[in-house]
Every structure is written in C-alpha cells, then in structure tokens.
C-alpha atoms as a PDB file:
ATOM      1  CA  MET A   1      10.093  18.970  17.099  1.00  0.00           C
ATOM      2  CA  ASN A   2       6.756  17.326  17.295  1.00  0.00           C
ATOM      3  CA  LYS A   3       6.626  13.924  15.308  1.00  0.00           C
ATOM      4  CA  LEU A   4       3.558  15.186  13.653  1.00  0.00           C
ATOM      5  CA  GLU A   5       5.286  18.220  12.156  1.00  0.00           C
ATOM      6  CA  ASP A   6       8.258  16.317  10.841  1.00  0.00           C
ATOM      7  CA  THR A   7       7.290  15.332   7.126  1.00  0.00           C
ATOM      8  CA  SER A   8      10.861  14.106   6.255  1.00  0.00           C
ATOM      9  CA  ALA A   9       9.863  10.639   6.765  1.00  0.00           C
ATOM     10  CA  ILE A  10       7.041  11.180   3.932  1.00  0.00           C
ATOM     11  CA  THR A  11       8.868  11.153   0.906  1.00  0.00           C
ATOM     12  CA  ASN A  12       7.205   8.775  -1.415  1.00  0.00           C
ATOM     13  CA  PHE A  13       3.605   9.386  -0.477  1.00  0.00           C
ATOM     14  CA  GLN A  14       1.284  12.384  -0.800  1.00  0.00           C
ATOM     15  CA  ILE A  15      -1.940  12.812   0.955  1.00  0.00           C
ATOM     16  CA  ALA A  16      -4.780  13.763  -1.460  1.00  0.00           C
ATOM     17  CA  GLU A  17      -6.939  16.497  -0.509  1.00  0.00           C
ATOM     18  CA  PRO A  18     -10.537  15.994  -0.955  1.00  0.00           C
ATOM     19  CA  GLN A  19     -11.727  16.727  -4.499  1.00  0.00           C
ATOM     20  CA  ASP A  20     -14.840  17.501  -6.287  1.00  0.00           C
ATOM     21  CA  SER A  21     -13.910  15.728  -9.378  1.00  0.00           C
ATOM     22  CA  LEU A  22     -13.149  12.074  -9.677  1.00  0.00           C
ATOM     23  CA  THR A  23      -9.669  12.776 -10.830  1.00  0.00           C
ATOM     24  CA  PRO A  24      -7.083  12.153  -8.057  1.00  0.00           C
ATOM     25  CA  THR A  25      -4.343  14.577  -7.549  1.00  0.00           C
ATOM     26  CA  GLU A  26      -1.266  13.585  -9.597  1.00  0.00           C
ATOM     27  CA  GLY A  27       1.430  11.782  -7.828  1.00  0.00           C
ATOM     28  CA  THR A  28      -0.771  10.321  -4.993  1.00  0.00           C
ATOM     29  CA  LEU A  29      -0.801   6.599  -4.266  1.00  0.00           C
ATOM     30  CA  ARG A  30      -4.388   6.554  -5.473  1.00  0.00           C
ATOM     31  CA  SER A  31      -3.578   8.135  -8.707  1.00  0.00           C
ATOM     32  CA  GLU A  32      -0.702   5.615  -9.200  1.00  0.00           C
ATOM     33  CA  VAL A  33      -2.951   2.796  -8.678  1.00  0.00           C
ATOM     34  CA  GLU A  34      -5.630   4.025 -11.151  1.00  0.00           C
ATOM     35  CA  LYS A  35      -2.919   4.715 -13.810  1.00  0.00           C
ATOM     36  CA  ALA A  36      -1.629   0.920 -13.392  1.00  0.00           C
ATOM     37  CA  LEU A  37      -5.179  -0.364 -13.429  1.00  0.00           C
ATOM     38  CA  ARG A  38      -5.938   1.552 -16.626  1.00  0.00           C
ATOM     39  CA  ARG A  39      -2.663   0.121 -18.234  1.00  0.00           C
ATOM     40  CA  TYR A  40      -3.783  -3.332 -17.018  1.00  0.00           C
ATOM     41  CA  PHE A  41      -7.175  -3.187 -18.609  1.00  0.00           C
ATOM     42  CA  LEU A  42      -5.682  -1.748 -21.784  1.00  0.00           C
ATOM     43  CA  HIS A  43      -3.425  -4.689 -22.326  1.00  0.00           C
ATOM     44  CA  LEU A  44      -6.171  -7.308 -21.293  1.00  0.00           C
ATOM     45  CA  GLU A  45      -7.792  -7.486 -24.819  1.00  0.00           C
ATOM     46  CA  ASP A  46     -10.320 -10.325 -24.368  1.00  0.00           C
ATOM     47  CA  GLU A  47      -8.542 -12.271 -21.545  1.00  0.00           C
ATOM     48  CA  PRO A  48     -10.758 -13.334 -18.825  1.00  0.00           C
ATOM     49  CA  VAL A  49      -9.884 -11.940 -15.462  1.00  0.00           C
ATOM     50  CA  THR A  50     -10.659 -13.424 -11.988  1.00  0.00           C
ATOM     51  CA  ASP A  51      -9.381 -12.568  -8.506  1.00  0.00           C
ATOM     52  CA  LEU A  52      -8.572  -9.145  -9.437  1.00  0.00           C
ATOM     53  CA  TYR A  53      -9.156  -7.758  -5.818  1.00  0.00           C
ATOM     54  CA  GLN A  54      -6.862 -10.307  -4.526  1.00  0.00           C
ATOM     55  CA  MET A  55      -4.090  -9.427  -7.161  1.00  0.00           C
ATOM     56  CA  VAL A  56      -4.183  -5.803  -6.529  1.00  0.00           C
ATOM     57  CA  ILE A  57      -4.264  -6.153  -2.717  1.00  0.00           C
ATOM     58  CA  SER A  58      -1.219  -8.370  -2.587  1.00  0.00           C
ATOM     59  CA  GLU A  59       0.654  -6.113  -5.228  1.00  0.00           C
ATOM     60  CA  VAL A  60       0.170  -3.239  -2.642  1.00  0.00           C
ATOM     61  CA  GLU A  61       0.221  -5.286   0.463  1.00  0.00           C
ATOM     62  CA  VAL A  62       3.801  -6.463   0.022  1.00  0.00           C
ATOM     63  CA  PRO A  63       5.758  -3.481  -0.452  1.00  0.00           C
ATOM     64  CA  LEU A  64       3.693  -1.878   2.333  1.00  0.00           C
ATOM     65  CA  LEU A  65       4.582  -4.776   4.891  1.00  0.00           C
ATOM     66  CA  GLN A  66       8.293  -4.597   3.625  1.00  0.00           C
ATOM     67  CA  ALA A  67       8.580  -0.888   4.328  1.00  0.00           C
ATOM     68  CA  VAL A  68       6.831  -0.914   7.582  1.00  0.00           C
ATOM     69  CA  MET A  69       8.918  -3.893   8.804  1.00  0.00           C
ATOM     70  CA  GLN A  70      12.110  -2.112   7.617  1.00  0.00           C
ATOM     71  CA  HIS A  71      11.104   0.990   9.304  1.00  0.00           C
ATOM     72  CA  THR A  72      10.168  -0.691  12.580  1.00  0.00           C
ATOM     73  CA  GLY A  73      13.576  -2.647  12.620  1.00  0.00           C
ATOM     74  CA  ASN A  74      11.332  -6.021  12.190  1.00  0.00           C
ATOM     75  CA  ASN A  75       9.543  -5.287  15.237  1.00  0.00           C
ATOM     76  CA  GLN A  76       6.297  -6.962  14.742  1.00  0.00           C
ATOM     77  CA  SER A  77       4.527  -5.344  17.842  1.00  0.00           C
ATOM     78  CA  LYS A  78       5.557  -1.919  16.497  1.00  0.00           C
ATOM     79  CA  ALA A  79       4.637  -2.739  12.853  1.00  0.00           C
ATOM     80  CA  SER A  80       1.112  -4.112  13.903  1.00  0.00           C
ATOM     81  CA  ILE A  81       0.369  -0.981  15.855  1.00  0.00           C
ATOM     82  CA  MET A  82       1.622   1.250  13.023  1.00  0.00           C
ATOM     83  CA  LEU A  83      -0.642  -0.833  10.351  1.00  0.00           C
ATOM     84  CA  GLY A  84      -3.689  -1.327  12.620  1.00  0.00           C
ATOM     85  CA  LEU A  85      -3.331  -4.857  12.478  1.00  0.00           C
ATOM     86  CA  ASN A  86      -3.458  -7.496  15.140  1.00  0.00           C
ATOM     87  CA  ARG A  87      -0.020  -8.956  15.695  1.00  0.00           C
ATOM     88  CA  GLY A  88      -1.356 -12.386  14.677  1.00  0.00           C
ATOM     89  CA  THR A  89      -2.783 -11.150  11.663  1.00  0.00           C
ATOM     90  CA  LEU A  90       0.424  -9.458  10.698  1.00  0.00           C
ATOM     91  CA  ARG A  91       2.440 -12.604  11.276  1.00  0.00           C
ATOM     92  CA  THR A  92       0.025 -14.603   8.956  1.00  0.00           C
ATOM     93  CA  LYS A  93       0.410 -11.924   6.366  1.00  0.00           C
ATOM     94  CA  LEU A  94       4.280 -11.940   6.696  1.00  0.00           C
ATOM     95  CA  LYS A  95       4.236 -15.687   6.410  1.00  0.00           C
ATOM     96  CA  GLN A  96       1.818 -15.748   3.289  1.00  0.00           C
ATOM     97  CA  TYR A  97       4.070 -13.354   1.310  1.00  0.00           C
ATOM     98  CA  GLY A  98       7.435 -15.160   2.612  1.00  0.00           C
ATOM     99  CA  LEU A  99       8.396 -12.033   4.423  1.00  0.00           C
ATOM    100  CA  ARG A 100       9.517 -13.661   7.652  1.00  0.00           C
END
C-alpha cells in the first residue's frame, strides 16, 4: 500500500476542505483552536493580555513536538524533516520546552 493512501496514522486530525464561509469544519484542528480562543476571551473579563501569540504557539507547539518525536523514535533528523525545520531549530525548540 502506498504511504499516501494509508490514513490509519491520521486519527486525531482532520484536514479541512476550503470553505466559502469563515466557519471551519467541525473537529478540525483549526476549529478546536478557534473554540479554545473564544473560551479564553470569554473568561478574560477586563484583564490585560500580552504575548497572546507566543502563548498560543507554545500551547500548540509542545504537543506537536512531543507527538513527532514519539512518532520518529526520538530521531531528530527524521523529526526535523517531518516538521520542515532545520535540525538546529528543532534542537533549540526541544531544549526551550524541556523535551530533550
């Protein structure tokens, strides 16, 4: 079987089809992030927010790095190719999040 035809490894993510509306397909990573951000903003009240971008990126980046490292058997070369990152950048991110 062609690896591109094997969808068994894609169990937690769905790829959203392009849509005309701004509402993403239910169950996609995008829709889950949007729901989480709506909940976050609802609970803010009048609290000031700074570095929201970095907070969101780190919340998504950590589980992404963990999953890819597990999938590649902690092989940084394979993980960097899969992620589209330079190996040095991957090492820096793993160190930043205490994952190595």
